[in-house]
Amino acid sequence: MDPEYRNVEFLITTGPGPCPQLDSKNIVFGTVLEGLDVITAIASIPTYKPSENIRQLNDLAEFFGDERAQNARAMWNKPLKTVYIRDCGEIKVSKPTLTPSLP
């Protein structure tokens, strides 16, 4: 691996609506100006969705204080394939057509 390599995680929400699970945990910045087709392709990758029985067992384990329940829950809704983004860069926009707004 390149010694300058940095593993970075970022989130792109594709909606619809707000994401209350992200409140007070992340900094929101940016807007997709180009490449929405790439975002749509990434969003179409299937994610892990546990069955109702697994969800109920997880809730019970959490109720009894089993720390593994939270670790298991962290895997929910994650893509079933690894997505690598490289050479993405930054598009310099001299005059943005969109203005930042808060929900």
C-alpha atoms as a PDB file:
ATOM      1  CA  MET A   1       0.000   0.000   0.000  1.00  0.00           C
ATOM      2  CA  ASP A   2       0.981   3.556  -0.602  1.00  0.00           C
ATOM      3  CA  PRO A   3       2.289   5.125   2.657  1.00  0.00           C
ATOM      4  CA  GLU A   4       0.244   8.242   1.851  1.00  0.00           C
ATOM      5  CA  TYR A   5      -2.990   6.195   1.680  1.00  0.00           C
ATOM      6  CA  ARG A   6      -5.672   7.260   4.149  1.00  0.00           C
ATOM      7  CA  ASN A   7      -8.788   5.224   4.767  1.00  0.00           C
ATOM      8  CA  VAL A   8     -11.678   7.682   4.872  1.00  0.00           C
ATOM      9  CA  GLU A   9     -15.374   7.008   5.227  1.00  0.00           C
ATOM     10  CA  PHE A  10     -18.011   9.423   4.063  1.00  0.00           C
ATOM     11  CA  LEU A  11     -21.740   9.236   3.601  1.00  0.00           C
ATOM     12  CA  ILE A  12     -23.891  10.319   0.711  1.00  0.00           C
ATOM     13  CA  THR A  13     -27.575  10.219   1.504  1.00  0.00           C
ATOM     14  CA  THR A  14     -29.893   9.505  -1.393  1.00  0.00           C
ATOM     15  CA  GLY A  15     -33.161  10.166   0.395  1.00  0.00           C
ATOM     16  CA  PRO A  16     -36.006  10.432   0.438  1.00  0.00           C
ATOM     17  CA  GLY A  17     -36.367  12.644   3.458  1.00  0.00           C
ATOM     18  CA  PRO A  18     -34.211  13.378   6.489  1.00  0.00           C
ATOM     19  CA  CYS A  19     -31.788  10.926   8.117  1.00  0.00           C
ATOM     20  CA  PRO A  20     -32.413  11.232  11.880  1.00  0.00           C
ATOM     21  CA  GLN A  21     -29.892   8.434  12.590  1.00  0.00           C
ATOM     22  CA  LEU A  22     -27.148  10.838  11.485  1.00  0.00           C
ATOM     23  CA  ASP A  23     -28.179  13.732  13.755  1.00  0.00           C
ATOM     24  CA  SER A  24     -25.330  15.000  15.960  1.00  0.00           C
ATOM     25  CA  LYS A  25     -22.937  12.380  14.575  1.00  0.00           C
ATOM     26  CA  ASN A  26     -21.715  13.788  11.265  1.00  0.00           C
ATOM     27  CA  ILE A  27     -20.845  17.027   9.561  1.00  0.00           C
ATOM     28  CA  VAL A  28     -23.013  17.725   6.532  1.00  0.00           C
ATOM     29  CA  PHE A  29     -21.321  19.328   3.564  1.00  0.00           C
ATOM     30  CA  GLY A  30     -21.478  19.386  -0.199  1.00  0.00           C
ATOM     31  CA  THR A  31     -23.894  18.759  -3.000  1.00  0.00           C
ATOM     32  CA  VAL A  32     -23.592  16.344  -5.904  1.00  0.00           C
ATOM     33  CA  LEU A  33     -23.120  18.515  -8.998  1.00  0.00           C
ATOM     34  CA  GLU A  34     -21.960  15.809 -11.420  1.00  0.00           C
ATOM     35  CA  GLY A  35     -21.918  12.048 -11.382  1.00  0.00           C
ATOM     36  CA  LEU A  36     -25.361  11.411  -9.954  1.00  0.00           C
ATOM     37  CA  ASP A  37     -25.423   8.266 -12.124  1.00  0.00           C
ATOM     38  CA  VAL A  38     -22.478   6.946 -10.089  1.00  0.00           C
ATOM     39  CA  ILE A  39     -24.277   7.731  -6.825  1.00  0.00           C
ATOM     40  CA  THR A  40     -27.405   5.974  -8.114  1.00  0.00           C
ATOM     41  CA  ALA A  41     -25.352   2.898  -9.085  1.00  0.00           C
ATOM     42  CA  ILE A  42     -23.798   2.753  -5.604  1.00  0.00           C
ATOM     43  CA  ALA A  43     -27.204   3.230  -3.956  1.00  0.00           C
ATOM     44  CA  SER A  44     -28.592   0.287  -5.944  1.00  0.00           C
ATOM     45  CA  ILE A  45     -26.140  -2.194  -4.369  1.00  0.00           C
ATOM     46  CA  PRO A  46     -28.126  -4.537  -2.091  1.00  0.00           C
ATOM     47  CA  THR A  47     -27.676  -4.022   1.643  1.00  0.00           C
ATOM     48  CA  TYR A  48     -27.858  -6.409   4.581  1.00  0.00           C
ATOM     49  CA  LYS A  49     -31.358  -6.463   6.027  1.00  0.00           C
ATOM     50  CA  PRO A  50     -31.835  -8.940   8.877  1.00  0.00           C
ATOM     51  CA  SER A  51     -35.063 -10.867   9.234  1.00  0.00           C
ATOM     52  CA  GLU A  52     -37.634  -9.854  11.832  1.00  0.00           C
ATOM     53  CA  ASN A  53     -36.534 -12.783  14.055  1.00  0.00           C
ATOM     54  CA  ILE A  54     -32.932 -11.566  14.050  1.00  0.00           C
ATOM     55  CA  ARG A  55     -34.082  -8.030  14.870  1.00  0.00           C
ATOM     56  CA  GLN A  56     -36.126  -9.300  17.811  1.00  0.00           C
ATOM     57  CA  LEU A  57     -33.249 -11.430  19.127  1.00  0.00           C
ATOM     58  CA  ASN A  58     -30.951  -8.443  18.800  1.00  0.00           C
ATOM     59  CA  ASP A  59     -33.386  -6.257  20.766  1.00  0.00           C
ATOM     60  CA  LEU A  60     -33.557  -8.914  23.489  1.00  0.00           C
ATOM     61  CA  ALA A  61     -29.756  -9.220  23.642  1.00  0.00           C
ATOM     62  CA  GLU A  62     -29.439  -5.443  23.928  1.00  0.00           C
ATOM     63  CA  PHE A  63     -32.052  -5.407  26.690  1.00  0.00           C
ATOM     64  CA  PHE A  64     -29.953  -7.895  28.667  1.00  0.00           C
ATOM     65  CA  GLY A  65     -26.834  -5.775  28.140  1.00  0.00           C
ATOM     66  CA  ASP A  66     -25.018  -7.921  25.590  1.00  0.00           C
ATOM     67  CA  GLU A  67     -22.507  -5.564  23.911  1.00  0.00           C
ATOM     68  CA  ARG A  68     -22.445  -7.775  20.819  1.00  0.00           C
ATOM     69  CA  ALA A  69     -25.959  -6.594  19.950  1.00  0.00           C
ATOM     70  CA  GLN A  70     -24.717  -3.101  19.073  1.00  0.00           C
ATOM     71  CA  ASN A  71     -21.849  -4.540  16.999  1.00  0.00           C
ATOM     72  CA  ALA A  72     -24.296  -6.719  15.083  1.00  0.00           C
ATOM     73  CA  ARG A  73     -26.632  -3.784  14.546  1.00  0.00           C
ATOM     74  CA  ALA A  74     -23.784  -1.763  13.038  1.00  0.00           C
ATOM     75  CA  MET A  75     -23.780  -4.188  10.097  1.00  0.00           C
ATOM     76  CA  TRP A  76     -27.427  -3.592   9.232  1.00  0.00           C
ATOM     77  CA  ASN A  77     -28.114  -1.673   6.024  1.00  0.00           C
ATOM     78  CA  LYS A  78     -24.473  -1.836   4.906  1.00  0.00           C
ATOM     79  CA  PRO A  79     -23.745  -2.803   1.277  1.00  0.00           C
ATOM     80  CA  LEU A  80     -23.163  -6.491   0.597  1.00  0.00           C
ATOM     81  CA  LYS A  81     -20.282  -5.534  -1.727  1.00  0.00           C
ATOM     82  CA  THR A  82     -17.309  -3.310  -0.984  1.00  0.00           C
ATOM     83  CA  VAL A  83     -17.377  -0.011  -2.856  1.00  0.00           C
ATOM     84  CA  TYR A  84     -14.024   1.560  -3.691  1.00  0.00           C
ATOM     85  CA  ILE A  85     -13.890   5.203  -4.697  1.00  0.00           C
ATOM     86  CA  ARG A  86     -10.606   6.421  -6.069  1.00  0.00           C
ATOM     87  CA  ASP A  87      -9.329   9.343  -8.070  1.00  0.00           C
ATOM     88  CA  CYS A  88     -12.545  11.199  -7.337  1.00  0.00           C
ATOM     89  CA  GLY A  89     -10.976  14.636  -6.944  1.00  0.00           C
ATOM     90  CA  GLU A  90     -12.891  17.847  -6.567  1.00  0.00           C
ATOM     91  CA  ILE A  91     -14.742  19.875  -9.157  1.00  0.00           C
ATOM     92  CA  LYS A  92     -13.961  23.571  -8.926  1.00  0.00           C
ATOM     93  CA  VAL A  93     -17.121  25.596  -9.457  1.00  0.00           C
ATOM     94  CA  SER A  94     -16.608  29.295 -10.069  1.00  0.00           C
ATOM     95  CA  LYS A  95     -20.246  30.264  -9.527  1.00  0.00           C
ATOM     96  CA  PRO A  96     -22.427  27.617  -7.849  1.00  0.00           C
ATOM     97  CA  THR A  97     -25.945  27.307  -9.183  1.00  0.00           C
ATOM     98  CA  LEU A  98     -27.171  25.844  -5.895  1.00  0.00           C
ATOM     99  CA  THR A  99     -27.090  27.696  -2.632  1.00  0.00           C
ATOM    100  CA  PRO A 100     -26.510  25.824   0.636  1.00  0.00           C
ATOM    101  CA  SER A 101     -29.632  25.339   2.723  1.00  0.00           C
ATOM    102  CA  LEU A 102     -30.512  23.772   6.014  1.00  0.00           C
ATOM    103  CA  PRO A 103     -33.508  21.498   6.409  1.00  0.00           C
END
